[in-house]
Amino acid sequence: MKDSDLWIILLTTLGCTSVVFLVAAVVLRTARRASIGWRIAVIVAAAIASIAGSTVAISAGMYISAHDVEALFWIVSVSSVFSLVGAWLVARGVRRSIAGLTESARRIADGEVVLRRSGEAKELAGMSAQLAETSERLAAARAELERLDAARRTFFSWISHDLRTPLTGVRALAEALEDGVAADPADYVSRIRQQADTMSRMVDDLFELSRLQSGTLRPRCEHVGLLDLVSDAVSDVRTLAEARDISIAHGAVGPDTVWADPYLLGRVLVNLVGNAVRHAPVGSTIVVSALRTPTATVIGVLDRGAGVPEADLDRMFEVGWLADSARTPERIPGASGAGLGLAIVRAIVEAHEGTVRAEHRPEGFQLAVELPNSPA
């Protein structure tokens, strides 16, 4: 082929293609809101028109016979029609798939869980799978929010009850003093102070729990003597334990030290041992034990009681939860009795990047905390 002929072919093809796609661009710009099927059809039609126009123009320029030109025209026309039909079918399938994804998105907005659509193109199948996964996550998040909202309402109901009880007592005692009917005014004043201390501890617990959950109270960890902390916790609940004829024994307390905030871990131990003392059978023994694994230290408090039902094991550490529906737990020194003790335990342990669990064992019921052996 001569260079001149090659240049004629290239320039003719470039001219035809430029004109056709310029027209297609104008059409697409004018119909910006047209469907994706329409846009695909315009692009395919432009491609076919540019090829057909270039072919016919170049063939006519080569002075082929009229019969050849007519045959070429019909070949190009039939091929173009079938190509447009194929493009329309593809566009229709894409439009149907997009409509399905749009419907899935609408259902997700209405709170439904959608399933992954099958038989889609690779890209659209990926979007469908992502929508299905997103709907499951949103459903789980909504369920968790509903659970937390229910827990919040229950907590406010419980805490209002627990605050009202000492307030009612204070008011009754104060009225007795005011009316001059108190047989022993000094005793009444002492009881008012005790009720005020109870409310103060309750408010302190709420404030500390809020700081722990918000992350503003951070543990100041160091290597602390575990046996000393256990002894201090036992000493704090000794009065209540003696009143119920309960003894507290040290089990296998293996590690000498544990990596923790001494004040916060002491609070954990007091709450755990105190909880065991409250629910252990009268005259029984509570065992406090600890063991060290390669990665963590596990501290357990075992009592001989029946514990709580399996369904309530996870709820034990919720704010405001009490196993006693009458909500009249025995008081522990330093505790508010408002169902905050185990919630504070979980918050403190999680602040140490540890875990807490409740479990039934052959010997009884155990609450255990697991703390990392060293800083993360």
Protein backbone atom coordinates (compact mmCIF):
# COMPACT_ATOMS: atom_id res chain seq x y z
CA MET A 1 0.00 0.00 0.00
CA LYS A 2 1.25 3.42 -0.96
CA ASP A 3 1.91 5.95 1.74
CA SER A 4 -0.56 8.32 0.08
CA ASP A 5 -3.32 5.70 0.23
CA LEU A 6 -2.56 5.00 3.89
CA TRP A 7 -2.81 8.68 4.74
CA ILE A 8 -6.12 8.95 2.89
CA ILE A 9 -7.51 5.99 4.86
CA LEU A 10 -6.31 7.39 8.21
CA LEU A 11 -7.60 10.90 7.57
CA THR A 12 -10.95 9.65 6.26
CA THR A 13 -11.40 7.38 9.30
CA LEU A 14 -10.38 10.16 11.71
CA GLY A 15 -12.77 12.62 10.07
CA CYS A 16 -15.76 10.27 10.13
CA THR A 17 -15.07 9.13 13.69
CA SER A 18 -14.62 12.71 14.94
CA VAL A 19 -17.88 13.88 13.43
CA VAL A 20 -19.87 10.92 14.74
CA PHE A 21 -18.51 11.12 18.28
CA LEU A 22 -18.92 14.89 18.34
CA VAL A 23 -22.60 14.37 17.59
CA ALA A 24 -22.78 11.64 20.26
CA ALA A 25 -21.16 13.94 22.81
CA VAL A 26 -23.73 16.65 22.08
CA VAL A 27 -26.55 14.13 22.44
CA LEU A 28 -25.19 12.81 25.77
CA ARG A 29 -24.67 16.31 27.11
CA THR A 30 -28.20 17.31 26.15
CA ALA A 31 -29.70 14.20 27.78
CA ARG A 32 -27.77 14.26 31.06
CA ARG A 33 -30.63 12.71 33.00
CA ALA A 34 -31.17 9.90 30.52
CA SER A 35 -30.99 6.29 31.71
CA ILE A 36 -27.77 4.32 31.61
CA GLY A 37 -29.31 2.13 28.90
CA TRP A 38 -29.83 5.15 26.70
CA ARG A 39 -26.25 6.27 27.24
CA ILE A 40 -24.88 2.83 26.38
CA ALA A 41 -27.04 2.76 23.24
CA VAL A 42 -25.73 6.16 22.13
CA ILE A 43 -22.10 5.11 22.61
CA VAL A 44 -22.61 1.79 20.79
CA ALA A 45 -24.48 3.49 17.98
CA ALA A 46 -21.71 6.06 17.66
CA ALA A 47 -19.08 3.33 17.49
CA ILE A 48 -21.03 1.44 14.83
CA ALA A 49 -21.75 4.60 12.84
CA SER A 50 -18.10 5.66 12.86
CA ILE A 51 -16.96 2.21 11.66
CA ALA A 52 -19.69 1.96 9.03
CA GLY A 53 -19.22 5.53 7.80
CA SER A 54 -15.46 5.19 7.59
CA THR A 55 -15.76 1.86 5.76
CA VAL A 56 -18.28 3.15 3.20
CA ALA A 57 -16.40 6.39 2.61
CA ILE A 58 -13.07 4.64 2.07
CA SER A 59 -14.65 1.97 -0.13
CA ALA A 60 -16.39 4.59 -2.29
CA GLY A 61 -13.13 6.46 -2.63
CA MET A 62 -11.50 3.36 -4.04
CA TYR A 63 -13.96 3.42 -6.99
CA ILE A 64 -15.39 -0.01 -6.38
CA SER A 65 -18.46 -0.99 -8.39
CA ALA A 66 -21.98 0.07 -7.43
CA HIS A 67 -22.82 -3.58 -6.77
CA ASP A 68 -19.97 -3.86 -4.26
CA VAL A 69 -21.02 -0.65 -2.56
CA GLU A 70 -24.60 -1.92 -2.22
CA ALA A 71 -23.41 -5.26 -0.82
CA LEU A 72 -21.15 -3.48 1.66
CA PHE A 73 -24.04 -1.23 2.71
CA TRP A 74 -26.27 -4.19 3.54
CA ILE A 75 -23.48 -6.00 5.37
CA VAL A 76 -22.80 -2.96 7.51
CA SER A 77 -26.51 -2.27 8.08
CA VAL A 78 -27.37 -5.78 9.23
CA SER A 79 -24.31 -5.95 11.47
CA SER A 80 -25.15 -2.56 12.95
CA VAL A 81 -28.74 -3.54 13.71
CA PHE A 82 -27.71 -6.73 15.50
CA SER A 83 -24.98 -4.84 17.39
CA LEU A 84 -27.54 -2.27 18.57
CA VAL A 85 -29.94 -5.02 19.63
CA GLY A 86 -27.15 -6.70 21.60
CA ALA A 87 -26.22 -3.39 23.22
CA TRP A 88 -29.88 -2.77 24.11
CA LEU A 89 -30.15 -6.20 25.76
CA VAL A 90 -26.97 -5.60 27.78
CA ALA A 91 -28.21 -2.15 28.83
CA ARG A 92 -31.57 -3.62 29.80
CA GLY A 93 -29.88 -6.20 32.02
CA VAL A 94 -27.70 -3.53 33.64
CA ARG A 95 -30.75 -1.32 34.20
CA ARG A 96 -32.61 -4.20 35.82
CA SER A 97 -29.66 -4.95 38.09
CA ILE A 98 -29.33 -1.31 39.11
CA ALA A 99 -33.06 -1.16 39.82
CA GLY A 100 -32.64 -4.21 42.05
CA LEU A 101 -29.76 -2.58 43.93
CA THR A 102 -31.84 0.59 44.31
CA GLU A 103 -34.70 -1.45 45.78
CA SER A 104 -32.25 -3.15 48.16
CA ALA A 105 -30.98 0.24 49.31
CA ARG A 106 -34.56 1.41 49.91
CA ARG A 107 -35.30 -1.71 51.96
CA ILE A 108 -32.14 -1.16 54.01
CA ALA A 109 -33.31 2.40 54.71
CA ASP A 110 -36.61 0.91 55.96
CA GLY A 111 -34.70 -1.31 58.39
CA GLU A 112 -34.87 -4.58 56.48
CA VAL A 113 -32.09 -7.13 55.96
CA VAL A 114 -31.47 -7.87 52.27
CA LEU A 115 -29.88 -10.91 50.69
CA ARG A 116 -27.10 -10.97 48.14
CA ARG A 117 -28.46 -11.01 44.59
CA SER A 118 -27.25 -13.86 42.40
CA GLY A 119 -26.55 -13.90 38.69
CA GLU A 120 -25.17 -10.36 38.54
CA ALA A 121 -22.12 -9.06 36.75
CA LYS A 122 -18.93 -9.11 38.80
CA GLU A 123 -19.00 -5.40 39.76
CA LEU A 124 -22.73 -5.36 40.51
CA ALA A 125 -22.43 -8.63 42.43
CA GLY A 126 -19.79 -6.97 44.61
CA MET A 127 -22.14 -4.05 45.29
CA SER A 128 -24.98 -6.45 46.12
CA ALA A 129 -22.77 -8.37 48.55
CA GLN A 130 -21.69 -5.11 50.20
CA LEU A 131 -25.31 -3.99 50.55
CA ALA A 132 -26.24 -7.33 52.12
CA GLU A 133 -23.36 -7.10 54.58
CA THR A 134 -24.22 -3.49 55.38
CA SER A 135 -27.85 -4.37 56.03
CA GLU A 136 -26.78 -7.08 58.49
CA ARG A 137 -24.46 -4.69 60.30
CA LEU A 138 -27.15 -2.01 60.50
CA ALA A 139 -29.67 -4.54 61.78
CA ALA A 140 -27.22 -5.65 64.46
CA ALA A 141 -26.48 -2.02 65.36
CA ARG A 142 -30.19 -1.23 65.62
CA ALA A 143 -30.74 -4.26 67.83
CA GLU A 144 -27.83 -3.18 70.05
CA LEU A 145 -29.21 0.37 70.25
CA GLU A 146 -32.62 -0.96 71.21
CA ARG A 147 -31.03 -3.15 73.87
CA LEU A 148 -29.00 -0.25 75.24
CA ASP A 149 -32.03 2.02 75.19
CA ALA A 150 -34.06 -0.56 77.10
CA ALA A 151 -31.17 -0.95 79.56
CA ARG A 152 -30.98 2.83 79.92
CA ARG A 153 -34.70 3.11 80.71
CA THR A 154 -34.47 0.26 83.18
CA PHE A 155 -31.41 1.79 84.78
CA PHE A 156 -33.08 5.17 85.29
CA SER A 157 -36.08 3.41 86.79
CA TRP A 158 -33.84 1.45 89.16
CA ILE A 159 -31.59 4.34 90.11
CA SER A 160 -34.58 6.58 90.85
CA HIS A 161 -35.91 3.85 93.14
CA ASP A 162 -32.57 3.41 94.86
CA LEU A 163 -32.15 7.15 95.39
CA ARG A 164 -35.71 7.56 96.59
CA THR A 165 -35.29 4.96 99.32
CA PRO A 166 -32.57 6.76 101.35
CA LEU A 167 -34.17 10.13 100.60
CA THR A 168 -37.44 8.90 102.07
CA GLY A 169 -35.59 7.64 105.13
CA VAL A 170 -33.77 10.95 105.58
CA ARG A 171 -37.01 12.86 105.27
CA ALA A 172 -38.79 10.67 107.82
CA LEU A 173 -35.92 10.96 110.29
CA ALA A 174 -35.66 14.71 109.79
CA GLU A 175 -39.42 15.16 110.34
CA ALA A 176 -39.19 13.12 113.54
CA LEU A 177 -36.41 15.38 114.79
CA GLU A 178 -38.31 18.48 113.72
CA ASP A 179 -41.49 17.37 115.51
CA GLY A 180 -39.52 16.46 118.63
CA VAL A 181 -40.73 12.87 118.70
CA ALA A 182 -37.29 11.26 118.29
CA ALA A 183 -36.56 9.10 121.31
CA ASP A 184 -32.81 9.37 120.74
CA PRO A 185 -31.93 12.45 118.62
CA ALA A 186 -28.26 11.47 118.40
CA ASP A 187 -29.21 8.09 116.92
CA TYR A 188 -31.50 9.78 114.40
CA VAL A 189 -28.69 12.12 113.34
CA SER A 190 -26.35 9.14 112.94
CA ARG A 191 -28.89 7.33 110.77
CA ILE A 192 -29.40 10.44 108.63
CA ARG A 193 -25.63 10.61 108.12
CA GLN A 194 -25.58 6.92 107.11
CA GLN A 195 -28.32 7.49 104.53
CA ALA A 196 -26.44 10.53 103.21
CA ASP A 197 -23.28 8.43 102.95
CA THR A 198 -25.23 5.82 100.95
CA MET A 199 -26.45 8.46 98.49
CA SER A 200 -22.97 9.95 98.29
CA ARG A 201 -21.46 6.56 97.43
CA MET A 202 -24.13 6.04 94.79
CA VAL A 203 -23.34 9.38 93.16
CA ASP A 204 -19.62 8.64 93.36
CA ASP A 205 -20.18 5.27 91.68
CA LEU A 206 -22.17 6.90 88.89
CA PHE A 207 -19.48 9.52 88.38
CA GLU A 208 -16.67 6.96 88.37
CA LEU A 209 -18.54 4.69 85.97
CA SER A 210 -19.15 7.64 83.66
CA ARG A 211 -15.44 8.53 83.68
CA LEU A 212 -14.45 4.93 83.00
CA GLN A 213 -16.88 4.52 80.11
CA SER A 214 -15.92 7.86 78.58
CA GLY A 215 -12.20 7.08 78.80
CA THR A 216 -11.35 10.11 80.95
CA LEU A 217 -10.25 7.87 83.84
CA ARG A 218 -7.23 5.92 82.67
CA PRO A 219 -5.45 3.27 84.72
CA ARG A 220 -1.99 4.11 86.04
CA CYS A 221 -0.56 0.64 85.87
CA GLU A 222 2.41 -0.71 87.78
CA HIS A 223 3.51 -4.03 89.23
CA VAL A 224 1.51 -4.32 92.47
CA GLY A 225 1.43 -7.06 95.08
CA LEU A 226 -1.62 -9.20 94.42
CA LEU A 227 -1.77 -10.84 97.85
CA ASP A 228 -1.86 -7.43 99.56
CA LEU A 229 -4.76 -6.29 97.36
CA VAL A 230 -6.69 -9.48 98.10
CA SER A 231 -6.08 -9.05 101.85
CA ASP A 232 -7.30 -5.45 101.73
CA ALA A 233 -10.44 -6.47 99.84
CA VAL A 234 -11.18 -9.23 102.38
CA SER A 235 -10.70 -6.75 105.21
CA ASP A 236 -13.19 -4.31 103.62
CA VAL A 237 -15.99 -6.90 103.57
CA ARG A 238 -15.07 -8.69 106.78
CA THR A 239 -17.94 -7.20 108.79
CA LEU A 240 -20.60 -8.41 106.38
CA ALA A 241 -18.87 -11.78 106.01
CA GLU A 242 -18.79 -12.31 109.78
CA ALA A 243 -22.45 -11.31 110.04
CA ARG A 244 -23.32 -14.14 107.61
CA ASP A 245 -20.77 -16.57 109.11
CA ILE A 246 -18.88 -16.69 105.82
CA SER A 247 -15.17 -17.35 105.69
CA ILE A 248 -12.89 -16.16 102.89
CA ALA A 249 -9.93 -18.33 101.92
CA HIS A 250 -6.98 -17.74 99.64
CA GLY A 251 -6.78 -20.40 96.99
CA ALA A 252 -3.86 -20.79 94.63
CA VAL A 253 -2.63 -17.21 94.47
CA GLY A 254 0.29 -17.97 92.17
CA PRO A 255 1.71 -14.68 90.87
CA ASP A 256 3.29 -12.32 93.37
CA THR A 257 2.50 -9.21 91.33
CA VAL A 258 0.06 -8.13 88.66
CA TRP A 259 0.30 -5.29 86.11
CA ALA A 260 -2.57 -2.97 87.07
CA ASP A 261 -3.66 0.26 88.68
CA PRO A 262 -3.57 -0.58 92.41
CA TYR A 263 -6.55 1.60 93.33
CA LEU A 264 -8.76 0.42 90.47
CA LEU A 265 -7.84 -3.26 90.87
CA GLY A 266 -8.51 -2.96 94.60
CA ARG A 267 -11.96 -1.65 93.73
CA VAL A 268 -12.50 -4.64 91.43
CA LEU A 269 -11.55 -7.10 94.15
CA VAL A 270 -13.77 -5.43 96.76
CA ASN A 271 -16.74 -5.53 94.41
CA LEU A 272 -16.14 -9.15 93.41
CA VAL A 273 -15.60 -10.44 96.94
CA GLY A 274 -18.48 -8.34 98.24
CA ASN A 275 -20.78 -9.71 95.56
CA ALA A 276 -19.79 -13.24 96.54
CA VAL A 277 -20.39 -12.53 100.23
CA ARG A 278 -23.86 -11.20 99.48
CA HIS A 279 -24.94 -14.27 97.53
CA ALA A 280 -23.00 -17.12 99.13
CA PRO A 281 -24.93 -19.49 101.42
CA VAL A 282 -24.71 -18.67 105.10
CA GLY A 283 -21.83 -20.49 106.77
CA SER A 284 -20.04 -21.29 103.50
CA THR A 285 -16.55 -20.46 102.26
CA ILE A 286 -15.48 -18.12 99.46
CA VAL A 287 -12.23 -18.88 97.65
CA VAL A 288 -10.11 -16.18 96.00
CA SER A 289 -7.54 -17.56 93.57
CA ALA A 290 -5.16 -16.35 90.89
CA LEU A 291 -3.06 -17.99 88.24
CA ARG A 292 -0.73 -16.71 85.54
CA THR A 293 -0.79 -17.85 81.94
CA PRO A 294 1.88 -16.91 79.39
CA THR A 295 -0.10 -13.79 78.44
CA ALA A 296 -2.45 -12.93 81.30
CA THR A 297 -3.23 -13.14 85.00
CA VAL A 298 -6.63 -14.64 85.89
CA ILE A 299 -8.17 -13.73 89.25
CA GLY A 300 -11.23 -15.73 90.33
CA VAL A 301 -13.71 -15.37 93.20
CA LEU A 302 -15.64 -18.59 93.81
CA ASP A 303 -18.65 -18.93 96.12
CA ARG A 304 -20.78 -21.98 96.90
CA GLY A 305 -24.03 -20.38 95.78
CA ALA A 306 -26.17 -21.35 92.81
CA GLY A 307 -25.24 -18.19 90.91
CA VAL A 308 -27.56 -16.76 88.30
CA PRO A 309 -29.36 -18.52 85.43
CA GLU A 310 -27.38 -19.08 82.26
CA ALA A 311 -29.53 -16.51 80.43
CA ASP A 312 -28.42 -13.80 82.88
CA LEU A 313 -24.68 -14.48 82.85
CA ASP A 314 -24.00 -11.72 80.31
CA ARG A 315 -26.46 -9.32 81.97
CA MET A 316 -24.67 -9.47 85.31
CA PHE A 317 -22.26 -6.75 84.24
CA GLU A 318 -24.90 -4.36 82.88
CA VAL A 319 -25.46 -1.05 84.64
CA GLY A 320 -28.22 -1.29 87.23
CA TRP A 321 -28.76 -5.05 86.98
CA LEU A 322 -29.54 -6.85 90.23
CA ALA A 323 -30.40 -10.51 90.68
CA ASP A 324 -32.71 -9.60 93.57
CA SER A 325 -35.94 -8.27 92.08
CA ALA A 326 -36.85 -6.68 95.42
CA ARG A 327 -33.71 -4.56 95.09
CA THR A 328 -32.82 -4.70 98.76
CA PRO A 329 -29.25 -6.01 98.69
CA GLU A 330 -27.16 -6.12 101.81
CA ARG A 331 -24.83 -3.20 102.04
CA ILE A 332 -21.11 -3.57 101.63
CA PRO A 333 -18.74 -0.93 103.01
CA GLY A 334 -17.86 1.42 100.19
CA ALA A 335 -20.61 0.12 97.88
CA SER A 336 -23.78 1.95 96.88
CA GLY A 337 -25.96 -1.12 96.45
CA ALA A 338 -27.48 0.31 93.27
CA GLY A 339 -26.45 -2.47 90.95
CA LEU A 340 -23.33 -0.59 89.80
CA GLY A 341 -20.65 -2.76 91.35
CA LEU A 342 -20.22 -5.34 88.59
CA ALA A 343 -20.68 -2.70 85.89
CA ILE A 344 -17.77 -0.81 87.44
CA VAL A 345 -15.78 -4.08 87.53
CA ARG A 346 -16.27 -4.58 83.80
CA ALA A 347 -15.44 -0.96 83.00
CA ILE A 348 -12.22 -1.10 85.05
CA VAL A 349 -11.14 -4.44 83.58
CA GLU A 350 -11.83 -3.26 80.02
CA ALA A 351 -9.85 -0.09 80.75
CA HIS A 352 -6.95 -2.46 81.54
CA GLU A 353 -7.63 -4.18 78.16
CA GLY A 354 -8.76 -7.27 80.03
CA THR A 355 -11.95 -9.33 80.18
CA VAL A 356 -14.40 -10.39 82.87
CA ARG A 357 -16.71 -13.39 82.89
CA ALA A 358 -19.15 -15.32 85.04
CA GLU A 359 -19.33 -19.08 84.97
CA HIS A 360 -20.88 -22.05 86.72
CA ARG A 361 -18.36 -24.56 88.04
CA PRO A 362 -18.74 -27.88 89.85
CA GLU A 363 -17.64 -26.19 93.09
CA GLY A 364 -20.09 -23.29 92.76
CA PHE A 365 -20.30 -19.97 90.96
CA GLN A 366 -17.25 -17.95 89.94
CA LEU A 367 -16.55 -14.44 88.69
CA ALA A 368 -13.17 -14.11 87.03
CA VAL A 369 -11.16 -11.26 85.56
CA GLU A 370 -8.29 -11.68 83.12
CA LEU A 371 -5.64 -8.96 82.92
CA PRO A 372 -2.66 -8.72 80.55
CA ASN A 373 0.69 -9.52 82.13
CA SER A 374 2.40 -6.48 80.64
CA PRO A 375 1.57 -3.25 78.85
CA ALA A 376 0.31 -3.63 75.29
